[in-house]
Amino acid sequence: MSALPLPVAAIVGVTTGHPPAVDLQTLLLDWLWRPFPIGVDVALLAAAGWYLRSVDQLDARGRHWSWWRTAAFMSGLLTVWLALCSSVATLAESSFAFHITQKLLLMVIAPPLGALGAPMTLLLQTSNRRLKTGVLRGLHSRVFGVVRHPVPVFFMYYLSMYAFFLSGAIGFAMEHMWLMDLINLGFLISAMLFWWPMVGVDPIPGGRMNSGLKIINLLVGVPLMSFLGMALMEKRTSVAAMYSLRSTHLGGAVLWIAGDAATLLAVIPIYVEWVRSDARLAKRIDARLDAGKPVPAPAPAGAGMAATLRSLRRG
């Protein structure tokens, strides 16, 4: 039986066994047209429309909303579209390197960009009292408190990739694209829960995460990404039947290099903010001492470098 034409294969979710050439035409025009990516298109357009309309509402009230927050949120939506609807998603069906690229877009790029847009803050500032009350009740609920706890989120974010890529689950999922679509959404949601407190722009139930702990959270993930990437590079069989061994090794290299680089880059702004926070605290203390005023009690563990180190020593 001859292979299906590529547009038909993309619609029905069948891997043809003949990977499309990675050229400019493929990258620009070879998009997915299955029901799932079409639904993603609709959802992303709705999210963009809501965000822009909410910003206009604030402007009408004379309240300024930073343009860079809008740019960050829109960039996050665009990144999700690239991962799930564009040629990246099409090529991910035949190239493991593009599959890894898709996962990195969903887990490392889109969530922090979306969080920088502060959508929860925008929602709370523009919603009516009933919706605002419902949102706040949900954020402070016991169930959401368990879901967003750093420990389960850490395991969902990092170790789920080990379970997916090294257990053979990826092969089964790629043969049942509806399942692969759900798994992609699961990766995206876990990454959103991971990056939300890391970015720390929106209000966080229970308090913000200490900058030191944010850095530790990211640095612990660097060797985990590296080990997974090296494990994929050293495999003697392909990670799934639709991928070649060469593509498996290339995907491992992409995960190792790009994943670690993105994680380390994320540490830089967190560290800079940490240093600035300590500098502001020292300046306030110096001002009080110069004015002959008593210095307030030390900040609780979780605020500043010194407090972070004290909390770590306490275990």
Protein backbone atom coordinates (compact mmCIF):
# COMPACT_ATOMS: atom_id res chain seq x y z
CA MET A 1 0.00 0.00 0.00
CA SER A 2 1.39 3.38 -0.92
CA ALA A 3 2.02 5.92 1.78
CA LEU A 4 -0.67 8.46 2.45
CA PRO A 5 -0.08 11.97 1.15
CA LEU A 6 1.42 14.06 3.93
CA PRO A 7 -1.56 16.44 4.39
CA VAL A 8 -3.94 13.45 4.68
CA ALA A 9 -1.60 11.69 7.11
CA ALA A 10 -1.43 14.83 9.25
CA ILE A 11 -5.23 15.03 9.38
CA VAL A 12 -5.82 11.44 10.45
CA GLY A 13 -2.74 11.24 12.67
CA VAL A 14 -0.93 8.44 10.82
CA THR A 15 2.83 8.29 10.55
CA THR A 16 3.69 7.52 6.94
CA GLY A 17 7.15 6.09 7.52
CA HIS A 18 8.57 8.71 5.12
CA PRO A 19 9.56 11.74 7.22
CA PRO A 20 8.93 15.03 5.42
CA ALA A 21 11.96 17.01 4.37
CA VAL A 22 12.85 19.72 6.86
CA ASP A 23 12.88 22.69 4.50
CA LEU A 24 11.41 26.18 4.54
CA GLN A 25 8.16 25.07 2.88
CA THR A 26 7.62 22.31 5.45
CA LEU A 27 8.36 24.60 8.37
CA LEU A 28 6.02 27.35 7.14
CA LEU A 29 3.11 25.39 5.67
CA ASP A 30 2.99 21.85 7.05
CA TRP A 31 0.55 22.36 9.93
CA LEU A 32 -1.73 19.89 11.66
CA TRP A 33 -5.46 19.99 10.88
CA ARG A 34 -6.84 17.32 13.20
CA PRO A 35 -9.67 18.20 15.61
CA PHE A 36 -7.27 18.59 18.56
CA PRO A 37 -4.99 21.27 17.06
CA ILE A 38 -8.05 23.06 15.66
CA GLY A 39 -9.48 23.08 19.19
CA VAL A 40 -6.15 24.42 20.47
CA ASP A 41 -6.34 27.20 17.86
CA VAL A 42 -9.78 28.20 19.11
CA ALA A 43 -8.72 28.07 22.76
CA LEU A 44 -5.59 30.17 22.15
CA LEU A 45 -7.54 32.78 20.18
CA ALA A 46 -10.11 32.93 22.98
CA ALA A 47 -7.36 33.39 25.59
CA ALA A 48 -5.73 36.14 23.53
CA GLY A 49 -9.07 37.88 23.02
CA TRP A 50 -9.89 37.72 26.74
CA TYR A 51 -6.47 39.09 27.70
CA LEU A 52 -6.59 42.03 25.29
CA ARG A 53 -10.18 42.84 26.22
CA SER A 54 -9.27 42.79 29.93
CA VAL A 55 -6.33 45.14 29.31
CA ASP A 56 -8.70 47.51 27.51
CA GLN A 57 -11.04 47.38 30.52
CA LEU A 58 -8.20 48.45 32.80
CA ASP A 59 -7.23 51.25 30.42
CA ALA A 60 -10.82 52.47 30.39
CA ARG A 61 -10.62 52.74 34.19
CA GLY A 62 -7.41 54.74 33.95
CA ARG A 63 -5.22 51.88 35.24
CA HIS A 64 -2.01 51.12 33.41
CA TRP A 65 -1.06 47.57 32.41
CA SER A 66 2.54 47.01 31.38
CA TRP A 67 3.01 46.36 27.67
CA TRP A 68 5.75 43.82 28.36
CA ARG A 69 3.30 41.67 30.33
CA THR A 70 0.99 41.63 27.33
CA ALA A 71 3.91 40.80 25.04
CA ALA A 72 5.04 37.96 27.33
CA PHE A 73 1.57 36.42 27.53
CA MET A 74 1.03 36.60 23.77
CA SER A 75 4.48 35.06 23.23
CA GLY A 76 3.50 32.22 25.55
CA LEU A 77 0.32 31.57 23.55
CA LEU A 78 2.31 31.66 20.32
CA THR A 79 4.78 29.13 21.74
CA VAL A 80 1.94 26.75 22.64
CA TRP A 81 0.62 27.12 19.10
CA LEU A 82 4.05 26.35 17.66
CA ALA A 83 4.29 23.21 19.80
CA LEU A 84 0.82 21.78 19.17
CA CYS A 85 -0.39 23.13 15.83
CA SER A 86 2.51 24.15 13.62
CA SER A 87 5.02 22.18 11.58
CA VAL A 88 6.82 21.35 14.83
CA ALA A 89 3.88 19.11 15.77
CA THR A 90 3.80 17.61 12.26
CA LEU A 91 7.51 16.80 12.26
CA ALA A 92 7.27 15.46 15.83
CA GLU A 93 5.34 12.50 14.41
CA SER A 94 8.38 11.29 12.46
CA SER A 95 11.39 12.96 14.13
CA PHE A 96 12.22 12.43 17.78
CA ALA A 97 14.39 15.56 17.75
CA PHE A 98 11.29 17.59 16.86
CA HIS A 99 9.30 15.66 19.47
CA ILE A 100 11.80 16.81 22.11
CA THR A 101 11.63 20.34 20.69
CA GLN A 102 7.86 20.20 21.09
CA LYS A 103 8.16 19.15 24.73
CA LEU A 104 10.70 21.88 25.47
CA LEU A 105 8.39 24.50 23.95
CA LEU A 106 5.51 23.22 26.10
CA MET A 107 7.46 22.81 29.33
CA VAL A 108 10.34 25.30 29.34
CA ILE A 109 9.36 28.22 27.09
CA ALA A 110 5.59 28.71 27.06
CA PRO A 111 4.78 28.43 30.82
CA PRO A 112 7.24 31.07 32.13
CA LEU A 113 6.25 33.44 29.32
CA GLY A 114 2.57 32.97 30.20
CA ALA A 115 3.29 33.45 33.90
CA LEU A 116 5.18 36.69 33.17
CA GLY A 117 1.94 37.98 31.67
CA ALA A 118 0.30 37.78 35.14
CA PRO A 119 -3.04 36.44 33.83
CA MET A 120 -4.36 35.68 37.32
CA THR A 121 -3.70 39.24 38.45
CA LEU A 122 -5.45 40.55 35.35
CA LEU A 123 -8.42 38.25 35.94
CA LEU A 124 -8.80 39.34 39.56
CA GLN A 125 -8.56 43.01 38.62
CA THR A 126 -11.19 42.86 35.87
CA SER A 127 -13.67 40.17 36.97
CA ASN A 128 -16.93 40.78 38.84
CA ARG A 129 -17.24 40.03 42.53
CA ARG A 130 -18.87 36.64 42.04
CA LEU A 131 -16.18 35.35 39.67
CA LYS A 132 -13.41 36.84 41.80
CA THR A 133 -14.76 35.12 44.90
CA GLY A 134 -14.98 31.79 43.10
CA VAL A 135 -11.43 32.08 41.75
CA LEU A 136 -9.99 32.98 45.15
CA ARG A 137 -11.90 30.15 46.82
CA GLY A 138 -10.48 27.71 44.27
CA LEU A 139 -6.93 29.01 44.67
CA HIS A 140 -7.09 28.62 48.44
CA SER A 141 -8.88 25.26 48.42
CA ARG A 142 -7.30 22.21 50.00
CA VAL A 143 -7.38 20.26 46.74
CA PHE A 144 -5.51 22.96 44.81
CA GLY A 145 -3.10 23.30 47.72
CA VAL A 146 -2.13 19.65 47.27
CA VAL A 147 -1.92 19.92 43.48
CA ARG A 148 0.32 22.99 43.50
CA HIS A 149 2.58 21.81 46.36
CA PRO A 150 6.25 22.04 45.24
CA VAL A 151 7.02 18.36 45.94
CA PRO A 152 4.39 16.69 43.68
CA VAL A 153 4.88 19.44 41.09
CA PHE A 154 8.63 18.76 41.04
CA PHE A 155 8.04 15.05 40.43
CA MET A 156 5.41 15.73 37.77
CA TYR A 157 7.67 18.19 35.98
CA TYR A 158 10.96 16.29 35.95
CA LEU A 159 10.37 12.61 36.59
CA SER A 160 7.33 12.30 34.31
CA MET A 161 9.72 12.75 31.39
CA TYR A 162 11.77 9.77 32.56
CA ALA A 163 8.63 7.64 32.80
CA PHE A 164 7.43 8.74 29.39
CA PHE A 165 10.63 8.51 27.36
CA LEU A 166 12.32 5.48 28.93
CA SER A 167 9.40 3.14 29.60
CA GLY A 168 8.08 2.65 26.08
CA ALA A 169 5.02 4.77 26.84
CA ILE A 170 5.95 7.17 24.07
CA GLY A 171 5.58 4.44 21.43
CA PHE A 172 2.10 3.50 22.64
CA ALA A 173 1.04 7.14 22.85
CA MET A 174 2.30 7.94 19.36
CA GLU A 175 0.22 5.08 17.98
CA HIS A 176 -2.88 6.56 19.69
CA MET A 177 -2.73 10.26 18.92
CA TRP A 178 -5.71 11.14 21.11
CA LEU A 179 -3.66 9.86 24.05
CA MET A 180 -0.59 11.78 22.89
CA ASP A 181 -2.69 14.93 22.75
CA LEU A 182 -3.83 14.41 26.36
CA ILE A 183 -0.27 13.73 27.47
CA ASN A 184 0.91 16.94 25.84
CA LEU A 185 -1.75 18.84 27.78
CA GLY A 186 -0.62 17.08 30.96
CA PHE A 187 2.99 18.14 30.37
CA LEU A 188 1.85 21.71 29.74
CA ILE A 189 -0.27 21.85 32.91
CA SER A 190 2.48 20.38 35.10
CA ALA A 191 4.92 22.93 33.66
CA MET A 192 2.49 25.77 34.36
CA LEU A 193 2.24 24.67 37.99
CA PHE A 194 6.04 24.46 38.16
CA TRP A 195 6.80 27.88 36.64
CA TRP A 196 3.96 29.87 38.23
CA PRO A 197 5.67 30.27 41.64
CA MET A 198 9.11 30.36 40.00
CA VAL A 199 8.18 33.49 38.04
CA GLY A 200 6.24 34.84 41.02
CA VAL A 201 4.41 37.71 39.28
CA ASP A 202 0.88 36.57 40.12
CA PRO A 203 -0.32 36.23 43.73
CA ILE A 204 0.65 32.82 45.11
CA PRO A 205 -1.61 31.18 47.73
CA GLY A 206 0.38 30.52 50.88
CA GLY A 207 3.11 33.06 50.04
CA ARG A 208 5.77 33.43 47.41
CA MET A 209 8.63 30.99 46.96
CA ASN A 210 11.95 32.17 48.31
CA SER A 211 14.43 33.18 45.56
CA GLY A 212 17.05 30.81 46.96
CA LEU A 213 14.68 27.88 46.85
CA LYS A 214 13.72 28.80 43.29
CA ILE A 215 17.35 28.57 42.25
CA ILE A 216 17.81 25.27 44.07
CA ASN A 217 14.67 23.93 42.41
CA LEU A 218 16.08 24.78 38.99
CA LEU A 219 19.66 23.64 39.62
CA VAL A 220 18.50 20.27 40.90
CA GLY A 221 16.73 19.83 37.58
CA VAL A 222 19.90 20.42 35.52
CA PRO A 223 21.49 17.01 36.23
CA LEU A 224 18.10 15.34 35.85
CA MET A 225 17.74 16.81 32.35
CA SER A 226 21.35 15.89 31.58
CA PHE A 227 21.00 12.28 32.73
CA LEU A 228 17.83 11.80 30.70
CA GLY A 229 19.44 13.33 27.62
CA MET A 230 22.50 11.10 27.99
CA ALA A 231 20.34 8.02 28.56
CA LEU A 232 18.54 8.72 25.28
CA MET A 233 21.82 9.32 23.47
CA GLU A 234 23.18 5.98 24.68
CA LYS A 235 20.14 3.88 23.72
CA ARG A 236 20.88 1.02 21.33
CA THR A 237 17.33 0.88 20.04
CA SER A 238 15.05 3.70 18.95
CA VAL A 239 12.79 5.20 21.59
CA ALA A 240 9.72 4.27 19.50
CA ALA A 241 9.00 2.42 16.26
CA MET A 242 8.25 5.58 14.27
CA TYR A 243 11.62 7.12 15.17
CA SER A 244 15.04 6.12 13.88
CA LEU A 245 17.94 5.41 16.23
CA ARG A 246 19.76 8.44 14.85
CA SER A 247 16.76 10.64 15.58
CA THR A 248 16.58 9.18 19.10
CA HIS A 249 20.21 10.12 19.75
CA LEU A 250 19.71 13.58 18.24
CA GLY A 251 16.64 14.13 20.41
CA GLY A 252 18.64 13.19 23.50
CA ALA A 253 21.31 15.73 22.55
CA VAL A 254 18.66 18.44 22.05
CA LEU A 255 17.17 17.67 25.47
CA TRP A 256 20.56 17.70 27.15
CA ILE A 257 21.88 20.91 25.60
CA ALA A 258 18.74 23.01 25.11
CA GLY A 259 17.05 21.87 28.33
CA ASP A 260 20.07 22.64 30.49
CA ALA A 261 20.74 25.94 28.72
CA ALA A 262 17.16 27.16 29.19
CA THR A 263 17.17 26.13 32.85
CA LEU A 264 20.46 27.87 33.58
CA LEU A 265 19.28 31.01 31.77
CA ALA A 266 16.19 31.05 34.00
CA VAL A 267 18.45 31.15 37.06
CA ILE A 268 19.98 34.48 36.03
CA PRO A 269 16.96 36.81 36.51
CA ILE A 270 16.02 35.00 39.73
CA TYR A 271 19.54 35.49 41.13
CA VAL A 272 19.60 39.16 40.05
CA GLU A 273 16.27 39.79 41.80
CA TRP A 274 17.59 37.99 44.88
CA VAL A 275 20.64 40.26 45.06
CA ARG A 276 18.50 43.36 44.51
CA SER A 277 16.08 42.26 47.23
CA ASP A 278 18.92 41.88 49.74
CA ALA A 279 20.35 45.23 48.67
CA ARG A 280 16.99 46.93 49.23
CA LEU A 281 16.68 45.29 52.64
CA ALA A 282 20.21 46.40 53.63
CA LYS A 283 19.44 49.95 52.47
CA ARG A 284 16.29 50.09 54.60
CA ILE A 285 18.17 48.81 57.64
CA ASP A 286 20.96 51.37 57.13
CA ALA A 287 18.38 54.16 56.82
CA ARG A 288 16.75 53.15 60.11
CA LEU A 289 20.11 52.97 61.87
CA ASP A 290 21.10 56.40 60.54
CA ALA A 291 17.81 57.79 61.84
CA GLY A 292 18.37 56.23 65.25
CA LYS A 293 15.38 53.93 64.89
CA PRO A 294 15.36 50.32 66.09
CA VAL A 295 15.96 47.66 63.49
CA PRO A 296 12.97 45.35 63.05
CA ALA A 297 13.22 41.67 63.84
CA PRO A 298 14.92 39.51 61.16
CA ALA A 299 12.68 38.45 58.33
CA PRO A 300 11.31 34.92 58.59
CA ALA A 301 13.02 32.13 56.73
CA GLY A 302 12.15 32.52 53.10
CA ALA A 303 13.10 36.15 52.54
CA GLY A 304 16.63 36.89 51.41
CA MET A 305 19.88 35.00 51.00
CA ALA A 306 20.77 34.81 54.67
CA ALA A 307 17.31 33.57 55.61
CA THR A 308 17.48 30.94 52.90
CA LEU A 309 20.79 29.61 54.14
CA ARG A 310 19.48 29.56 57.72
CA SER A 311 16.44 27.58 56.65
CA LEU A 312 18.61 25.09 54.77
CA ARG A 313 20.86 24.58 57.80
CA ARG A 314 17.79 23.86 59.89
CA GLY A 315 16.84 21.17 57.37
